[in-house]
C-alpha atoms as a PDB file:
ATOM      1  CA  UNK A   1      18.301  97.253 -20.098  1.00  0.00           C
ATOM      2  CA  UNK A   2      16.065  94.295 -19.676  1.00  0.00           C
ATOM      3  CA  UNK A   3      12.644  92.603 -21.936  1.00  0.00           C
ATOM      4  CA  UNK A   4      11.703  89.277 -21.216  1.00  0.00           C
ATOM      5  CA  UNK A   5      13.601  86.783 -22.363  1.00  0.00           C
ATOM      6  CA  UNK A   6      12.415  84.855 -25.739  1.00  0.00           C
ATOM      7  CA  UNK A   7      12.947  81.924 -27.220  1.00  0.00           C
ATOM      8  CA  UNK A   8      14.192  81.573 -30.925  1.00  0.00           C
ATOM      9  CA  UNK A   9      11.015  80.322 -32.828  1.00  0.00           C
ATOM     10  CA  UNK A  10       9.843  80.598 -36.285  1.00  0.00           C
ATOM     11  CA  UNK A  11       7.711  83.833 -36.701  1.00  0.00           C
ATOM     12  CA  UNK A  12       7.849  84.677 -33.415  1.00  0.00           C
ATOM     13  CA  UNK A  13       7.237  88.740 -33.332  1.00  0.00           C
ATOM     14  CA  UNK A  14       8.622  91.311 -30.827  1.00  0.00           C
ATOM     15  CA  UNK A  15       8.331  94.592 -31.448  1.00  0.00           C
ATOM     16  CA  UNK A  16       7.219  94.040 -34.983  1.00  0.00           C
ATOM     17  CA  UNK A  17      10.605  92.081 -35.446  1.00  0.00           C
ATOM     18  CA  UNK A  18      10.487  89.021 -36.864  1.00  0.00           C
ATOM     19  CA  UNK A  19      12.671  86.547 -34.806  1.00  0.00           C
ATOM     20  CA  UNK A  20      13.063  83.145 -37.100  1.00  0.00           C
ATOM     21  CA  UNK A  21      14.784  80.016 -35.991  1.00  0.00           C
ATOM     22  CA  UNK A  22      18.541  79.766 -36.551  1.00  0.00           C
ATOM     23  CA  UNK A  23      20.183  77.025 -38.785  1.00  0.00           C
ATOM     24  CA  UNK A  24      23.357  75.907 -37.782  1.00  0.00           C
ATOM     25  CA  UNK A  25      25.543  78.675 -38.895  1.00  0.00           C
ATOM     26  CA  UNK A  26      23.162  81.902 -38.646  1.00  0.00           C
ATOM     27  CA  UNK A  27      24.492  84.399 -36.581  1.00  0.00           C
ATOM     28  CA  UNK A  28      22.605  85.468 -33.606  1.00  0.00           C
ATOM     29  CA  UNK A  29      22.203  88.398 -31.753  1.00  0.00           C
ATOM     30  CA  UNK A  30      20.521  89.001 -28.298  1.00  0.00           C
ATOM     31  CA  UNK A  31      19.596  92.517 -27.259  1.00  0.00           C
ATOM     32  CA  UNK A  32      16.496  93.976 -25.000  1.00  0.00           C
ATOM     33  CA  UNK A  33      13.489  93.872 -27.230  1.00  0.00           C
ATOM     34  CA  UNK A  34      10.675  96.280 -27.515  1.00  0.00           C
ATOM     35  CA  UNK A  35      11.623  99.614 -29.029  1.00  0.00           C
ATOM     36  CA  UNK A  36      14.860  99.688 -27.770  1.00  0.00           C
ATOM     37  CA  UNK A  37      15.823  96.488 -30.185  1.00  0.00           C
ATOM     38  CA  UNK A  38      13.569  97.687 -32.865  1.00  0.00           C
ATOM     39  CA  UNK A  39      15.866 100.983 -33.078  1.00  0.00           C
ATOM     40  CA  UNK A  40      18.747  98.379 -33.657  1.00  0.00           C
ATOM     41  CA  UNK A  41      16.975  96.404 -35.905  1.00  0.00           C
ATOM     42  CA  UNK A  42      15.854  99.252 -38.261  1.00  0.00           C
ATOM     43  CA  UNK A  43      19.074 101.181 -37.844  1.00  0.00           C
ATOM     44  CA  UNK A  44      21.442  98.078 -37.706  1.00  0.00           C
ATOM     45  CA  UNK A  45      20.700  94.522 -38.196  1.00  0.00           C
ATOM     46  CA  UNK A  46      18.197  95.137 -41.487  1.00  0.00           C
ATOM     47  CA  UNK A  47      20.423  97.476 -42.862  1.00  0.00           C
ATOM     48  CA  UNK A  48      23.416  95.184 -42.375  1.00  0.00           C
ATOM     49  CA  UNK A  49      21.602  92.407 -43.922  1.00  0.00           C
ATOM     50  CA  UNK A  50      20.414  94.323 -47.186  1.00  0.00           C
ATOM     51  CA  UNK A  51      24.011  95.294 -47.499  1.00  0.00           C
ATOM     52  CA  UNK A  52      25.878  92.236 -46.983  1.00  0.00           C
ATOM     53  CA  UNK A  53      23.468  89.483 -47.912  1.00  0.00           C
ATOM     54  CA  UNK A  54      24.211  88.035 -44.504  1.00  0.00           C
ATOM     55  CA  UNK A  55      21.578  86.883 -42.233  1.00  0.00           C
ATOM     56  CA  UNK A  56      20.958  88.099 -38.771  1.00  0.00           C
ATOM     57  CA  UNK A  57      19.040  86.225 -36.236  1.00  0.00           C
ATOM     58  CA  UNK A  58      17.633  88.335 -33.443  1.00  0.00           C
ATOM     59  CA  UNK A  59      16.740  87.242 -29.869  1.00  0.00           C
ATOM     60  CA  UNK A  60      15.826  88.751 -26.622  1.00  0.00           C
ATOM     61  CA  UNK A  61      16.866  88.645 -22.951  1.00  0.00           C
ATOM     62  CA  UNK A  62      16.429  90.141 -19.307  1.00  0.00           C
ATOM     63  CA  UNK A  63      19.879  90.381 -18.742  1.00  0.00           C
ATOM     64  CA  UNK A  64      21.690  88.695 -15.508  1.00  0.00           C
ATOM     65  CA  UNK A  65      25.099  87.296 -15.356  1.00  0.00           C
ATOM     66  CA  UNK A  66      23.837  83.803 -14.109  1.00  0.00           C
ATOM     67  CA  UNK A  67      22.287  83.718 -17.621  1.00  0.00           C
ATOM     68  CA  UNK A  68      24.894  84.082 -19.153  1.00  0.00           C
ATOM     69  CA  UNK A  69      27.027  81.742 -16.863  1.00  0.00           C
ATOM     70  CA  UNK A  70      24.154  79.241 -17.596  1.00  0.00           C
ATOM     71  CA  UNK A  71      24.651  79.735 -21.598  1.00  0.00           C
ATOM     72  CA  UNK A  72      28.321  79.176 -21.625  1.00  0.00           C
ATOM     73  CA  UNK A  73      28.372  76.483 -19.238  1.00  0.00           C
ATOM     74  CA  UNK A  74      25.995  74.236 -21.627  1.00  0.00           C
ATOM     75  CA  UNK A  75      28.546  74.787 -24.631  1.00  0.00           C
ATOM     76  CA  UNK A  76      27.156  76.541 -27.960  1.00  0.00           C
ATOM     77  CA  UNK A  77      23.985  77.830 -26.718  1.00  0.00           C
ATOM     78  CA  UNK A  78      22.749  79.569 -29.731  1.00  0.00           C
ATOM     79  CA  UNK A  79      23.879  82.887 -28.958  1.00  0.00           C
ATOM     80  CA  UNK A  80      26.611  84.487 -30.623  1.00  0.00           C
ATOM     81  CA  UNK A  81      26.610  88.553 -29.571  1.00  0.00           C
ATOM     82  CA  UNK A  82      24.597  89.776 -26.598  1.00  0.00           C
ATOM     83  CA  UNK A  83      24.312  93.155 -25.092  1.00  0.00           C
ATOM     84  CA  UNK A  84      25.243  93.166 -21.838  1.00  0.00           C
ATOM     85  CA  UNK A  85      25.140  95.761 -18.643  1.00  0.00           C
ATOM     86  CA  UNK A  86      28.386  97.107 -17.524  1.00  0.00           C
ATOM     87  CA  UNK A  87      28.944  95.019 -14.502  1.00  0.00           C
ATOM     88  CA  UNK A  88      27.679  92.006 -16.699  1.00  0.00           C
ATOM     89  CA  UNK A  89      30.532  92.745 -19.083  1.00  0.00           C
ATOM     90  CA  UNK A  90      33.223  93.083 -16.890  1.00  0.00           C
ATOM     91  CA  UNK A  91      32.228  89.970 -14.659  1.00  0.00           C
ATOM     92  CA  UNK A  92      31.740  88.170 -18.086  1.00  0.00           C
ATOM     93  CA  UNK A  93      35.371  88.890 -19.268  1.00  0.00           C
ATOM     94  CA  UNK A  94      37.142  88.456 -15.844  1.00  0.00           C
ATOM     95  CA  UNK A  95      35.382  84.698 -15.903  1.00  0.00           C
ATOM     96  CA  UNK A  96      36.094  83.774 -19.502  1.00  0.00           C
ATOM     97  CA  UNK A  97      32.515  83.570 -20.648  1.00  0.00           C
ATOM     98  CA  UNK A  98      33.058  86.194 -23.329  1.00  0.00           C
ATOM     99  CA  UNK A  99      35.958  87.002 -25.913  1.00  0.00           C
ATOM    100  CA  UNK A 100      38.634  89.618 -25.371  1.00  0.00           C
ATOM    101  CA  UNK A 101      38.113  92.091 -28.402  1.00  0.00           C
ATOM    102  CA  UNK A 102      40.566  92.741 -30.928  1.00  0.00           C
ATOM    103  CA  UNK A 103      39.487  96.505 -31.584  1.00  0.00           C
ATOM    104  CA  UNK A 104      41.778  96.378 -35.068  1.00  0.00           C
ATOM    105  CA  UNK A 105      38.832  93.968 -36.320  1.00  0.00           C
ATOM    106  CA  UNK A 106      36.380  96.899 -35.234  1.00  0.00           C
ATOM    107  CA  UNK A 107      38.018  99.695 -36.958  1.00  0.00           C
ATOM    108  CA  UNK A 108      39.444 102.012 -34.242  1.00  0.00           C
ATOM    109  CA  UNK A 109      38.859 102.808 -30.591  1.00  0.00           C
ATOM    110  CA  UNK A 110      39.034 106.646 -31.531  1.00  0.00           C
ATOM    111  CA  UNK A 111      35.800 106.026 -33.538  1.00  0.00           C
ATOM    112  CA  UNK A 112      34.089 105.414 -30.185  1.00  0.00           C
ATOM    113  CA  UNK A 113      33.245 107.980 -27.099  1.00  0.00           C
ATOM    114  CA  UNK A 114      35.615 107.530 -24.251  1.00  0.00           C
ATOM    115  CA  UNK A 115      34.658 104.818 -22.108  1.00  0.00           C
ATOM    116  CA  UNK A 116      32.683 102.869 -24.991  1.00  0.00           C
ATOM    117  CA  UNK A 117      35.451 100.440 -25.468  1.00  0.00           C
ATOM    118  CA  UNK A 118      37.033  97.969 -22.723  1.00  0.00           C
ATOM    119  CA  UNK A 119      38.752  94.499 -23.040  1.00  0.00           C
ATOM    120  CA  UNK A 120      35.891  92.324 -23.949  1.00  0.00           C
ATOM    121  CA  UNK A 121      33.174  94.934 -24.909  1.00  0.00           C
ATOM    122  CA  UNK A 122      32.173  97.609 -27.459  1.00  0.00           C
ATOM    123  CA  UNK A 123      29.596 100.093 -26.769  1.00  0.00           C
ATOM    124  CA  UNK A 124      26.058  99.682 -27.899  1.00  0.00           C
ATOM    125  CA  UNK A 125      23.974 102.297 -25.974  1.00  0.00           C
ATOM    126  CA  UNK A 126      24.273 105.179 -23.453  1.00  0.00           C
ATOM    127  CA  UNK A 127      21.106 105.252 -21.303  1.00  0.00           C
ATOM    128  CA  UNK A 128      19.900 106.952 -17.994  1.00  0.00           C
ATOM    129  CA  UNK A 129      17.962 105.504 -15.626  1.00  0.00           C
ATOM    130  CA  UNK A 130      15.012 108.475 -14.821  1.00  0.00           C
ATOM    131  CA  UNK A 131      12.097 108.936 -12.444  1.00  0.00           C
ATOM    132  CA  UNK A 132       9.007 109.305 -14.587  1.00  0.00           C
ATOM    133  CA  UNK A 133       5.575 110.626 -13.314  1.00  0.00           C
ATOM    134  CA  UNK A 134       2.138 110.976 -14.136  1.00  0.00           C
ATOM    135  CA  UNK A 135       1.314 114.646 -14.683  1.00  0.00           C
ATOM    136  CA  UNK A 136      -2.334 114.599 -13.670  1.00  0.00           C
ATOM    137  CA  UNK A 137      -1.717 113.410 -10.339  1.00  0.00           C
ATOM    138  CA  UNK A 138       1.946 114.804  -9.668  1.00  0.00           C
ATOM    139  CA  UNK A 139       1.993 118.566 -11.110  1.00  0.00           C
ATOM    140  CA  UNK A 140       5.126 119.700  -9.926  1.00  0.00           C
ATOM    141  CA  UNK A 141       8.687 117.444 -11.008  1.00  0.00           C
ATOM    142  CA  UNK A 142       9.646 115.533  -7.992  1.00  0.00           C
ATOM    143  CA  UNK A 143      12.483 114.531  -6.629  1.00  0.00           C
ATOM    144  CA  UNK A 144      13.623 111.217  -5.569  1.00  0.00           C
ATOM    145  CA  UNK A 145      12.975 112.395  -2.019  1.00  0.00           C
ATOM    146  CA  UNK A 146       9.430 113.073  -3.229  1.00  0.00           C
ATOM    147  CA  UNK A 147       9.505 109.398  -4.618  1.00  0.00           C
ATOM    148  CA  UNK A 148       9.616 108.536  -1.043  1.00  0.00           C
ATOM    149  CA  UNK A 149       7.382 110.687   0.546  1.00  0.00           C
ATOM    150  CA  UNK A 150       3.983 108.980   0.342  1.00  0.00           C
ATOM    151  CA  UNK A 151       2.358 111.866   2.746  1.00  0.00           C
ATOM    152  CA  UNK A 152       3.158 114.497  -0.036  1.00  0.00           C
ATOM    153  CA  UNK A 153       2.338 112.368  -3.134  1.00  0.00           C
ATOM    154  CA  UNK A 154       0.125 109.539  -2.133  1.00  0.00           C
ATOM    155  CA  UNK A 155      -0.044 106.441  -4.490  1.00  0.00           C
ATOM    156  CA  UNK A 156       2.109 103.360  -5.682  1.00  0.00           C
ATOM    157  CA  UNK A 157       5.512 103.592  -7.070  1.00  0.00           C
ATOM    158  CA  UNK A 158       7.397 101.021  -9.394  1.00  0.00           C
ATOM    159  CA  UNK A 159      10.897 100.115  -9.292  1.00  0.00           C
ATOM    160  CA  UNK A 160      12.945  97.854 -11.164  1.00  0.00           C
ATOM    161  CA  UNK A 161      13.198  94.379  -9.677  1.00  0.00           C
ATOM    162  CA  UNK A 162      17.158  94.618  -8.732  1.00  0.00           C
ATOM    163  CA  UNK A 163      19.050  96.129  -6.117  1.00  0.00           C
ATOM    164  CA  UNK A 164      21.322  98.108  -8.582  1.00  0.00           C
ATOM    165  CA  UNK A 165      19.976 101.447  -9.206  1.00  0.00           C
ATOM    166  CA  UNK A 166      17.539 101.152  -6.317  1.00  0.00           C
ATOM    167  CA  UNK A 167      19.770 101.210  -3.494  1.00  0.00           C
ATOM    168  CA  UNK A 168      21.422 104.634  -5.369  1.00  0.00           C
ATOM    169  CA  UNK A 169      17.955 105.981  -5.671  1.00  0.00           C
ATOM    170  CA  UNK A 170      17.341 105.484  -2.065  1.00  0.00           C
ATOM    171  CA  UNK A 171      20.530 107.038  -0.712  1.00  0.00           C
ATOM    172  CA  UNK A 172      19.695 110.046  -2.843  1.00  0.00           C
ATOM    173  CA  UNK A 173      16.460 110.290  -1.396  1.00  0.00           C
ATOM    174  CA  UNK A 174      17.817 110.024   2.107  1.00  0.00           C
ATOM    175  CA  UNK A 175      19.984 113.200   1.447  1.00  0.00           C
ATOM    176  CA  UNK A 176      23.331 111.619   0.539  1.00  0.00           C
ATOM    177  CA  UNK A 177      24.966 113.572  -2.018  1.00  0.00           C
ATOM    178  CA  UNK A 178      25.664 111.928  -5.405  1.00  0.00           C
ATOM    179  CA  UNK A 179      29.337 112.082  -4.928  1.00  0.00           C
ATOM    180  CA  UNK A 180      29.041 110.308  -1.742  1.00  0.00           C
ATOM    181  CA  UNK A 181      26.557 107.302  -2.838  1.00  0.00           C
ATOM    182  CA  UNK A 182      29.101 104.928  -3.796  1.00  0.00           C
ATOM    183  CA  UNK A 183      31.474 105.914  -0.525  1.00  0.00           C
ATOM    184  CA  UNK A 184      28.323 105.330   1.397  1.00  0.00           C
ATOM    185  CA  UNK A 185      27.719 101.745   0.064  1.00  0.00           C
ATOM    186  CA  UNK A 186      30.937 100.615   0.116  1.00  0.00           C
ATOM    187  CA  UNK A 187      30.012 100.046   4.041  1.00  0.00           C
ATOM    188  CA  UNK A 188      27.545  97.843   5.547  1.00  0.00           C
ATOM    189  CA  UNK A 189      25.785 100.444   7.185  1.00  0.00           C
ATOM    190  CA  UNK A 190      25.335 102.335   3.956  1.00  0.00           C
ATOM    191  CA  UNK A 191      23.829  99.523   2.324  1.00  0.00           C
ATOM    192  CA  UNK A 192      21.515  99.142   5.573  1.00  0.00           C
ATOM    193  CA  UNK A 193      20.381 102.852   5.497  1.00  0.00           C
ATOM    194  CA  UNK A 194      19.634 102.080   1.576  1.00  0.00           C
ATOM    195  CA  UNK A 195      17.262  99.057   2.611  1.00  0.00           C
ATOM    196  CA  UNK A 196      15.551 100.994   5.597  1.00  0.00           C
ATOM    197  CA  UNK A 197      14.947 103.957   3.053  1.00  0.00           C
ATOM    198  CA  UNK A 198      13.071 101.507   0.669  1.00  0.00           C
ATOM    199  CA  UNK A 199      11.458  99.931   3.912  1.00  0.00           C
ATOM    200  CA  UNK A 200       9.435 102.905   4.308  1.00  0.00           C
ATOM    201  CA  UNK A 201       7.686 102.390   0.652  1.00  0.00           C
ATOM    202  CA  UNK A 202       7.696  98.889   0.506  1.00  0.00           C
ATOM    203  CA  UNK A 203       4.067  98.595   0.949  1.00  0.00           C
ATOM    204  CA  UNK A 204       3.516 100.831  -1.886  1.00  0.00           C
ATOM    205  CA  UNK A 205       5.986  99.367  -4.221  1.00  0.00           C
ATOM    206  CA  UNK A 206       5.562  97.826  -7.525  1.00  0.00           C
ATOM    207  CA  UNK A 207       8.520  95.992  -9.070  1.00  0.00           C
ATOM    208  CA  UNK A 208       9.104  95.640 -13.192  1.00  0.00           C
ATOM    209  CA  UNK A 209      11.547  93.877 -14.926  1.00  0.00           C
ATOM    210  CA  UNK A 210      10.711  94.365 -18.704  1.00  0.00           C
ATOM    211  CA  UNK A 211      11.604  98.153 -19.814  1.00  0.00           C
ATOM    212  CA  UNK A 212       8.359  98.625 -21.439  1.00  0.00           C
ATOM    213  CA  UNK A 213       6.526  97.761 -17.884  1.00  0.00           C
ATOM    214  CA  UNK A 214       7.087 101.239 -16.201  1.00  0.00           C
ATOM    215  CA  UNK A 215       4.929 103.458 -18.747  1.00  0.00           C
ATOM    216  CA  UNK A 216       2.082 100.513 -19.105  1.00  0.00           C
ATOM    217  CA  UNK A 217       1.996 101.161 -15.006  1.00  0.00           C
ATOM    218  CA  UNK A 218       1.528 105.082 -15.309  1.00  0.00           C
ATOM    219  CA  UNK A 219      -0.601 104.504 -18.302  1.00  0.00           C
ATOM    220  CA  UNK A 220      -3.100 102.056 -16.371  1.00  0.00           C
ATOM    221  CA  UNK A 221      -2.872 104.259 -13.477  1.00  0.00           C
ATOM    222  CA  UNK A 222      -1.296 101.755 -11.121  1.00  0.00           C
ATOM    223  CA  UNK A 223       1.690 104.164 -10.035  1.00  0.00           C
ATOM    224  CA  UNK A 224       1.880 107.577 -10.090  1.00  0.00           C
ATOM    225  CA  UNK A 225       5.708 107.517 -10.319  1.00  0.00           C
ATOM    226  CA  UNK A 226       8.116 105.045 -11.512  1.00  0.00           C
ATOM    227  CA  UNK A 227      12.177 104.620 -12.204  1.00  0.00           C
ATOM    228  CA  UNK A 228      12.455 104.094 -15.946  1.00  0.00           C
ATOM    229  CA  UNK A 229      14.960 103.777 -18.891  1.00  0.00           C
ATOM    230  CA  UNK A 230      14.716 107.398 -20.198  1.00  0.00           C
ATOM    231  CA  UNK A 231      13.894 106.149 -23.946  1.00  0.00           C
ATOM    232  CA  UNK A 232      10.562 104.383 -22.992  1.00  0.00           C
ATOM    233  CA  UNK A 233       9.663 107.420 -20.892  1.00  0.00           C
ATOM    234  CA  UNK A 234      10.678 110.089 -23.930  1.00  0.00           C
ATOM    235  CA  UNK A 235       8.815 107.651 -26.455  1.00  0.00           C
ATOM    236  CA  UNK A 236       5.622 107.544 -24.493  1.00  0.00           C
ATOM    237  CA  UNK A 237       5.725 111.444 -23.939  1.00  0.00           C
ATOM    238  CA  UNK A 238       6.607 112.219 -27.543  1.00  0.00           C
ATOM    239  CA  UNK A 239       5.044 109.601 -29.790  1.00  0.00           C
ATOM    240  CA  UNK A 240       2.153 108.025 -27.650  1.00  0.00           C
ATOM    241  CA  UNK A 241       1.402 111.429 -26.306  1.00  0.00           C
ATOM    242  CA  UNK A 242       1.181 110.277 -22.751  1.00  0.00           C
ATOM    243  CA  UNK A 243       0.553 113.199 -19.661  1.00  0.00           C
ATOM    244  CA  UNK A 244       3.875 112.293 -18.163  1.00  0.00           C
ATOM    245  CA  UNK A 245       7.070 113.593 -16.960  1.00  0.00           C
ATOM    246  CA  UNK A 246      10.690 113.108 -17.113  1.00  0.00           C
ATOM    247  CA  UNK A 247      13.498 113.844 -14.433  1.00  0.00           C
ATOM    248  CA  UNK A 248      17.095 113.923 -15.385  1.00  0.00           C
ATOM    249  CA  UNK A 249      18.254 115.258 -12.187  1.00  0.00           C
ATOM    250  CA  UNK A 250      20.090 112.961 -10.092  1.00  0.00           C
ATOM    251  CA  UNK A 251      19.297 109.869 -13.141  1.00  0.00           C
ATOM    252  CA  UNK A 252      21.797 107.108 -13.153  1.00  0.00           C
ATOM    253  CA  UNK A 253      23.952 106.881 -16.229  1.00  0.00           C
ATOM    254  CA  UNK A 254      25.556 103.928 -17.585  1.00  0.00           C
ATOM    255  CA  UNK A 255      26.799 101.825 -21.210  1.00  0.00           C
ATOM    256  CA  UNK A 256      25.490  98.945 -21.980  1.00  0.00           C
ATOM    257  CA  UNK A 257      27.999  97.032 -24.733  1.00  0.00           C
ATOM    258  CA  UNK A 258      28.139  94.142 -27.430  1.00  0.00           C
ATOM    259  CA  UNK A 259      30.123  90.913 -26.029  1.00  0.00           C
ATOM    260  CA  UNK A 260      30.869  87.771 -27.973  1.00  0.00           C
ATOM    261  CA  UNK A 261      30.400  84.919 -26.458  1.00  0.00           C
ATOM    262  CA  UNK A 262      33.272  82.663 -25.962  1.00  0.00           C
ATOM    263  CA  UNK A 263      31.120  79.492 -27.055  1.00  0.00           C
ATOM    264  CA  UNK A 264      30.243  81.338 -30.449  1.00  0.00           C
ATOM    265  CA  UNK A 265      31.012  79.425 -33.645  1.00  0.00           C
ATOM    266  CA  UNK A 266      30.630  82.340 -35.613  1.00  0.00           C
ATOM    267  CA  UNK A 267      33.424  84.709 -34.284  1.00  0.00           C
ATOM    268  CA  UNK A 268      34.042  86.196 -37.809  1.00  0.00           C
ATOM    269  CA  UNK A 269      30.716  86.860 -38.645  1.00  0.00           C
ATOM    270  CA  UNK A 270      30.082  88.759 -35.418  1.00  0.00           C
ATOM    271  CA  UNK A 271      33.086  91.052 -35.653  1.00  0.00           C
ATOM    272  CA  UNK A 272      31.804  92.031 -39.128  1.00  0.00           C
ATOM    273  CA  UNK A 273      28.148  92.882 -37.700  1.00  0.00           C
ATOM    274  CA  UNK A 274      29.894  94.691 -34.593  1.00  0.00           C
ATOM    275  CA  UNK A 275      32.163  96.810 -36.451  1.00  0.00           C
ATOM    276  CA  UNK A 276      29.213  97.995 -38.946  1.00  0.00           C
ATOM    277  CA  UNK A 277      27.304  98.608 -35.774  1.00  0.00           C
ATOM    278  CA  UNK A 278      29.687 100.947 -34.751  1.00  0.00           C
ATOM    279  CA  UNK A 279      30.025 103.143 -37.541  1.00  0.00           C
ATOM    280  CA  UNK A 280      28.631 106.423 -37.829  1.00  0.00           C
ATOM    281  CA  UNK A 281      25.699 106.031 -40.371  1.00  0.00           C
ATOM    282  CA  UNK A 282      23.902 103.354 -38.706  1.00  0.00           C
ATOM    283  CA  UNK A 283      24.294 104.808 -35.333  1.00  0.00           C
ATOM    284  CA  UNK A 284      22.979 108.397 -36.428  1.00  0.00           C
ATOM    285  CA  UNK A 285      19.681 106.727 -37.305  1.00  0.00           C
ATOM    286  CA  UNK A 286      19.197 105.057 -33.751  1.00  0.00           C
ATOM    287  CA  UNK A 287      17.468 108.064 -32.123  1.00  0.00           C
ATOM    288  CA  UNK A 288      14.855 108.169 -34.942  1.00  0.00           C
ATOM    289  CA  UNK A 289      13.228 105.026 -33.205  1.00  0.00           C
ATOM    290  CA  UNK A 290      14.415 105.556 -29.552  1.00  0.00           C
ATOM    291  CA  UNK A 291      16.323 108.194 -27.695  1.00  0.00           C
ATOM    292  CA  UNK A 292      19.350 106.223 -27.510  1.00  0.00           C
ATOM    293  CA  UNK A 293      22.931 107.607 -26.404  1.00  0.00           C
ATOM    294  CA  UNK A 294      25.051 106.656 -29.289  1.00  0.00           C
ATOM    295  CA  UNK A 295      28.443 105.516 -28.662  1.00  0.00           C
ATOM    296  CA  UNK A 296      30.135 106.517 -32.115  1.00  0.00           C
ATOM    297  CA  UNK A 297      32.043 109.674 -31.707  1.00  0.00           C
ATOM    298  CA  UNK A 298      31.385 110.414 -35.218  1.00  0.00           C
ATOM    299  CA  UNK A 299      27.731 110.500 -35.410  1.00  0.00           C
ATOM    300  CA  UNK A 300      26.275 112.859 -32.731  1.00  0.00           C
ATOM    301  CA  UNK A 301      26.666 115.679 -35.054  1.00  0.00           C
ATOM    302  CA  UNK A 302      24.279 113.667 -37.858  1.00  0.00           C
ATOM    303  CA  UNK A 303      21.442 113.526 -35.534  1.00  0.00           C
ATOM    304  CA  UNK A 304      18.387 115.794 -36.382  1.00  0.00           C
ATOM    305  CA  UNK A 305      18.841 118.372 -33.577  1.00  0.00           C
ATOM    306  CA  UNK A 306      15.569 118.076 -32.551  1.00  0.00           C
ATOM    307  CA  UNK A 307      16.441 114.430 -31.444  1.00  0.00           C
ATOM    308  CA  UNK A 308      19.499 115.357 -29.685  1.00  0.00           C
ATOM    309  CA  UNK A 309      17.510 117.201 -27.110  1.00  0.00           C
ATOM    310  CA  UNK A 310      15.897 114.126 -25.632  1.00  0.00           C
ATOM    311  CA  UNK A 311      19.426 111.825 -25.683  1.00  0.00           C
ATOM    312  CA  UNK A 312      21.090 111.154 -22.288  1.00  0.00           C
ATOM    313  CA  UNK A 313      23.945 112.785 -23.843  1.00  0.00           C
ATOM    314  CA  UNK A 314      22.665 116.272 -24.637  1.00  0.00           C
ATOM    315  CA  UNK A 315      24.665 118.795 -22.299  1.00  0.00           C
ATOM    316  CA  UNK A 316      21.261 119.959 -20.352  1.00  0.00           C
ATOM    317  CA  UNK A 317      20.250 116.445 -19.748  1.00  0.00           C
ATOM    318  CA  UNK A 318      23.747 115.453 -18.308  1.00  0.00           C
ATOM    319  CA  UNK A 319      23.970 117.951 -15.742  1.00  0.00           C
ATOM    320  CA  UNK A 320      23.849 116.372 -12.014  1.00  0.00           C
ATOM    321  CA  UNK A 321      23.908 112.859 -13.375  1.00  0.00           C
ATOM    322  CA  UNK A 322      25.351 109.845 -11.779  1.00  0.00           C
ATOM    323  CA  UNK A 323      27.386 107.564 -13.405  1.00  0.00           C
ATOM    324  CA  UNK A 324      26.854 103.780 -11.948  1.00  0.00           C
ATOM    325  CA  UNK A 325      30.279 102.950 -10.247  1.00  0.00           C
ATOM    326  CA  UNK A 326      30.808  99.403 -12.352  1.00  0.00           C
ATOM    327  CA  UNK A 327      33.499  98.594  -9.895  1.00  0.00           C
ATOM    328  CA  UNK A 328      30.818  98.644  -7.267  1.00  0.00           C
ATOM    329  CA  UNK A 329      28.721  96.316  -8.908  1.00  0.00           C
ATOM    330  CA  UNK A 330      31.200  93.959  -9.911  1.00  0.00           C
ATOM    331  CA  UNK A 331      32.520  93.207  -6.542  1.00  0.00           C
ATOM    332  CA  UNK A 332      28.534  93.271  -4.874  1.00  0.00           C
ATOM    333  CA  UNK A 333      26.191  92.483  -7.616  1.00  0.00           C
ATOM    334  CA  UNK A 334      26.018  88.613  -6.377  1.00  0.00           C
ATOM    335  CA  UNK A 335      25.417  89.557  -2.683  1.00  0.00           C
ATOM    336  CA  UNK A 336      23.673  92.181  -3.273  1.00  0.00           C
ATOM    337  CA  UNK A 337      20.875  90.678  -5.481  1.00  0.00           C
ATOM    338  CA  UNK A 338      20.842  87.675  -3.241  1.00  0.00           C
ATOM    339  CA  UNK A 339      19.748  90.485  -0.404  1.00  0.00           C
ATOM    340  CA  UNK A 340      17.574  92.137  -2.655  1.00  0.00           C
ATOM    341  CA  UNK A 341      15.664  88.871  -3.376  1.00  0.00           C
ATOM    342  CA  UNK A 342      15.224  88.183   0.162  1.00  0.00           C
ATOM    343  CA  UNK A 343      13.832  91.386   0.897  1.00  0.00           C
ATOM    344  CA  UNK A 344      11.701  91.781  -2.031  1.00  0.00           C
ATOM    345  CA  UNK A 345      10.040  88.296  -1.028  1.00  0.00           C
ATOM    346  CA  UNK A 346       9.057  89.411   2.535  1.00  0.00           C
END
């Protein structure tokens, strides 16, 4: 998940959280800002500080393996713990940018849902890339095929400024079955097919990079449909009372993980915070601020049933969902990001 990268500075406020300047030994944790990070702050970071008396400094970033490479190459970058998307986690682990984790220092692998623990990362959040739309302009829940049908639903669309998820959405819109999406993308002809489908709506596309932008674009009337993180769309509907809709069908699900940079001088402190972050009690409060799918195996039943219904892990929302293929993006993220940048700039 992305939010505009922030620099640590005194009294910087992001989403209501005070991001203060770090001293030499402060522990710095980097997430994605907005209500997503506000949920982490309220449920994990602030309670941890209160319980232990240990200071936690927060920063934000927009993700990108290139950023992690630059940070580590520079030595102690001022970052310790970073939230990473799935392919960033695996590539960073392969390249030695982050530390292999000792799961025993985090409690037990059994404390987490399946797939939330890997060699170098521990699950922070489960979320979906969904289709969100303006109900005042699109009366019936659209499909990805409708997203690409400008004649049926006139108006601009918004997509994340990244090949990841957009190539999948393009193929789904072009009639590829969810089970065949990554098989199709494994061939150059399949990638060409996805870009060709994207070409059909390029003149009506607006690109977003930070998680809050899709809802802003819908609210302003600039677009009629957009891809979005599920939590942002749900909050806009439930809390901001916006006339928006969310489509779970054929959404893309993934897990973000916490990693510890290999240049961190605060490894022991990082483990201590991450152990707390994985406990059921703090995780059970995350959905109160943001509809985040939790990674604690023991916390789901502790969540208010009314809130569970809006989580990506709720059974009704998990139907016909495509899980992002990490292996595909590990192998192809650099090349496809370069191609995407060239395509988007034309």
